[in-house]
């Protein structure tokens, strides 16, 4: 796969995630239960663990992983990734982390997602983008619906979040141009 391109929106710059994004703020996101409550990471990250993760992400040529930065001040507010990408069947898995709580509710997640999904459809020529989300993560589910994702599946009692069994939704967004070419 090619290198991770820098993408831009009106308010954001998305650049390849790497060592340069290491910060105490980033580390604090990963250890803040309000941020990680629906993520698989589960908190309790050390500085060295995060740096090791960033080094491996930076070196992985098959990983599309962006840091989300505000244009206004260059502040790192979250990450977004497409991984894995299956070029044989033309689909990929999407994930996003909005770590900076002061940036929540400002539309940054949607803005970053739109540019990344467009990249997947227009440049990678994927037919669909998939994701998994904890059903109790109401804000994320609402965002995904706004982006056009539809629920394709439900895994009952799939994980334990906030000390209770939770369902996971499997959602997808289809590239209409690809579907038109395939006579679906």
Protein backbone atom coordinates (compact mmCIF):
# COMPACT_ATOMS: atom_id res chain seq x y z
CA UNK A 1 0.00 0.00 0.00
CA UNK A 2 1.16 3.56 -0.58
CA UNK A 3 2.24 5.93 2.15
CA UNK A 4 -0.36 7.70 4.25
CA UNK A 5 -1.31 10.96 2.52
CA UNK A 6 -1.94 14.18 4.37
CA UNK A 7 -5.64 15.06 4.11
CA UNK A 8 -7.28 18.42 4.81
CA UNK A 9 -10.72 19.78 5.57
CA UNK A 10 -11.84 23.31 6.31
CA UNK A 11 -10.78 23.03 9.95
CA UNK A 12 -8.52 19.98 10.15
CA UNK A 13 -5.27 18.49 8.94
CA UNK A 14 -4.93 14.72 9.03
CA UNK A 15 -1.31 13.54 8.92
CA UNK A 16 0.36 10.19 9.40
CA UNK A 17 0.35 9.25 13.08
CA UNK A 18 3.81 8.73 14.52
CA UNK A 19 6.40 9.49 17.16
CA UNK A 20 6.03 13.24 16.77
CA UNK A 21 2.48 12.99 18.20
CA UNK A 22 3.72 11.62 21.52
CA UNK A 23 2.57 13.92 24.31
CA UNK A 24 1.36 13.83 27.87
CA UNK A 25 -2.04 14.98 26.58
CA UNK A 26 -2.24 11.96 24.26
CA UNK A 27 -1.18 9.66 27.10
CA UNK A 28 -3.85 11.20 29.35
CA UNK A 29 -6.60 10.40 26.78
CA UNK A 30 -5.69 6.73 26.85
CA UNK A 31 -5.86 6.68 30.63
CA UNK A 32 -9.12 8.66 30.93
CA UNK A 33 -12.08 6.30 31.42
CA UNK A 34 -14.39 8.88 29.81
CA UNK A 35 -12.33 8.58 26.63
CA UNK A 36 -11.51 4.85 26.56
CA UNK A 37 -14.73 3.43 28.06
CA UNK A 38 -15.87 1.92 24.74
CA UNK A 39 -12.41 1.12 23.33
CA UNK A 40 -10.50 -2.14 23.49
CA UNK A 41 -7.40 -0.38 24.89
CA UNK A 42 -8.79 -0.27 28.41
CA UNK A 43 -6.50 2.41 29.81
CA UNK A 44 -3.43 1.98 32.02
CA UNK A 45 -0.94 3.02 29.32
CA UNK A 46 2.60 4.02 30.22
CA UNK A 47 4.67 6.59 28.32
CA UNK A 48 6.93 3.81 26.98
CA UNK A 49 3.98 1.68 25.82
CA UNK A 50 2.46 4.58 23.91
CA UNK A 51 5.82 5.48 22.34
CA UNK A 52 6.32 1.85 21.28
CA UNK A 53 2.81 1.83 19.75
CA UNK A 54 3.53 5.05 17.85
CA UNK A 55 6.85 3.69 16.56
CA UNK A 56 5.24 0.49 15.28
CA UNK A 57 2.35 2.45 13.71
CA UNK A 58 4.77 4.79 11.98
CA UNK A 59 6.78 1.89 10.58
CA UNK A 60 3.78 -0.18 9.38
CA UNK A 61 3.49 0.37 5.61
CA UNK A 62 0.05 -1.31 5.41
CA UNK A 63 -1.60 0.84 8.08
CA UNK A 64 -3.58 3.97 7.22
CA UNK A 65 -3.45 5.86 10.52
CA UNK A 66 -3.86 9.62 10.84
CA UNK A 67 -3.46 12.09 13.69
CA UNK A 68 -6.31 14.63 13.63
CA UNK A 69 -4.97 18.18 14.11
CA UNK A 70 -6.84 21.47 14.21
CA UNK A 71 -5.71 23.94 11.56
CA UNK A 72 -6.26 26.83 13.95
CA UNK A 73 -3.48 25.84 16.35
CA UNK A 74 -2.08 22.47 15.19
CA UNK A 75 -3.42 20.75 18.30
CA UNK A 76 -3.62 16.93 18.17
CA UNK A 77 -7.24 16.12 19.12
CA UNK A 78 -7.68 12.52 18.01
CA UNK A 79 -6.81 9.72 15.61
CA UNK A 80 -8.55 7.96 12.76
CA UNK A 81 -7.54 4.78 10.98
CA UNK A 82 -8.44 2.42 8.20
CA UNK A 83 -7.10 -1.02 9.04
CA UNK A 84 -7.12 -3.64 7.77
CA UNK A 85 -7.67 -2.89 4.10
CA UNK A 86 -8.72 -5.84 1.94
CA UNK A 87 -7.95 -4.92 -1.67
CA UNK A 88 -9.09 -8.31 -2.97
CA UNK A 89 -12.66 -7.79 -1.77
CA UNK A 90 -12.55 -3.97 -1.72
CA UNK A 91 -13.41 -3.24 1.90
CA UNK A 92 -11.72 -1.88 5.01
CA UNK A 93 -12.30 -1.40 8.73
CA UNK A 94 -12.68 2.12 10.16
CA UNK A 95 -11.92 3.39 13.65
CA UNK A 96 -11.77 6.80 15.31
CA UNK A 97 -10.68 8.17 18.67
CA UNK A 98 -11.52 11.72 19.68
CA UNK A 99 -9.29 12.09 22.71
CA UNK A 100 -9.40 15.80 23.45
CA UNK A 101 -12.63 16.27 25.42
CA UNK A 102 -12.65 20.03 24.74
CA UNK A 103 -13.05 19.14 21.05
CA UNK A 104 -16.08 16.90 21.59
CA UNK A 105 -19.39 18.05 20.13
CA UNK A 106 -17.78 20.41 17.59
CA UNK A 107 -18.22 18.23 14.49
CA UNK A 108 -14.54 17.31 14.17
CA UNK A 109 -15.19 13.54 14.18
CA UNK A 110 -17.67 13.85 11.33
CA UNK A 111 -15.40 16.19 9.36
CA UNK A 112 -12.39 13.86 9.71
CA UNK A 113 -14.49 10.79 8.91
CA UNK A 114 -15.92 12.27 5.71
CA UNK A 115 -12.49 13.07 4.26
CA UNK A 116 -11.09 9.64 5.18
CA UNK A 117 -14.09 7.75 3.82
CA UNK A 118 -13.94 9.79 0.61
CA UNK A 119 -10.26 8.84 0.34
CA UNK A 120 -11.23 5.17 0.73
CA UNK A 121 -13.86 5.37 -2.00
CA UNK A 122 -12.16 7.74 -4.45
CA UNK A 123 -8.48 6.78 -4.15
CA UNK A 124 -8.50 3.20 -2.84
CA UNK A 125 -11.67 2.40 -4.86
CA UNK A 126 -13.17 0.41 -1.99
CA UNK A 127 -16.75 -0.81 -2.21
CA UNK A 128 -17.47 -0.48 1.51
CA UNK A 129 -16.11 0.60 4.86
CA UNK A 130 -17.02 -1.39 7.97
CA UNK A 131 -16.92 -0.69 11.68
CA UNK A 132 -17.83 -2.20 15.02
CA UNK A 133 -19.33 -0.08 17.77
CA UNK A 134 -20.63 -0.82 21.26
CA UNK A 135 -24.39 -0.32 21.08
CA UNK A 136 -24.34 1.71 24.33
CA UNK A 137 -21.99 4.26 22.71
CA UNK A 138 -24.96 6.37 21.66
CA UNK A 139 -22.95 9.38 20.43
CA UNK A 140 -20.80 7.23 18.15
CA UNK A 141 -23.80 5.33 16.76
CA UNK A 142 -25.51 8.66 16.03
CA UNK A 143 -22.39 9.92 14.20
CA UNK A 144 -22.16 6.75 12.10
CA UNK A 145 -25.81 7.06 11.07
CA UNK A 146 -25.21 10.71 10.08
CA UNK A 147 -22.29 9.53 7.92
CA UNK A 148 -24.59 7.05 6.17
CA UNK A 149 -23.52 3.81 7.86
CA UNK A 150 -26.20 1.14 8.17
CA UNK A 151 -26.38 -1.69 10.66
CA UNK A 152 -25.57 -5.05 9.10
CA UNK A 153 -25.26 -7.15 12.21
CA UNK A 154 -25.61 -7.41 15.95
CA UNK A 155 -23.34 -9.38 18.26
CA UNK A 156 -25.33 -9.92 21.47
CA UNK A 157 -23.49 -9.51 24.79
CA UNK A 158 -20.24 -9.23 22.84
CA UNK A 159 -18.15 -7.35 25.38
CA UNK A 160 -18.00 -5.96 28.87
CA UNK A 161 -17.98 -2.16 29.07
CA UNK A 162 -18.64 -0.10 32.18
CA UNK A 163 -18.94 -3.39 34.10
CA UNK A 164 -21.88 -4.70 32.08
CA UNK A 165 -22.41 -6.96 29.09
CA UNK A 166 -22.94 -4.93 25.92
CA UNK A 167 -23.97 -5.64 22.37
CA UNK A 168 -21.77 -4.70 19.42
CA UNK A 169 -23.24 -3.34 16.21
CA UNK A 170 -21.57 -4.10 12.90
CA UNK A 171 -22.13 -1.23 10.48
CA UNK A 172 -21.15 -0.53 6.87
CA UNK A 173 -21.11 2.31 4.42
CA UNK A 174 -21.24 1.37 0.74
CA UNK A 175 -19.62 3.21 -2.12
CA UNK A 176 -22.55 3.85 -4.48
CA UNK A 177 -20.30 4.23 -7.52
CA UNK A 178 -18.78 0.79 -6.98
CA UNK A 179 -22.21 -0.77 -6.55
CA UNK A 180 -23.45 0.88 -9.76
CA UNK A 181 -20.53 -0.63 -11.69
CA UNK A 182 -21.30 -4.11 -10.35
CA UNK A 183 -25.03 -4.03 -11.21
CA UNK A 184 -26.05 -4.75 -7.64
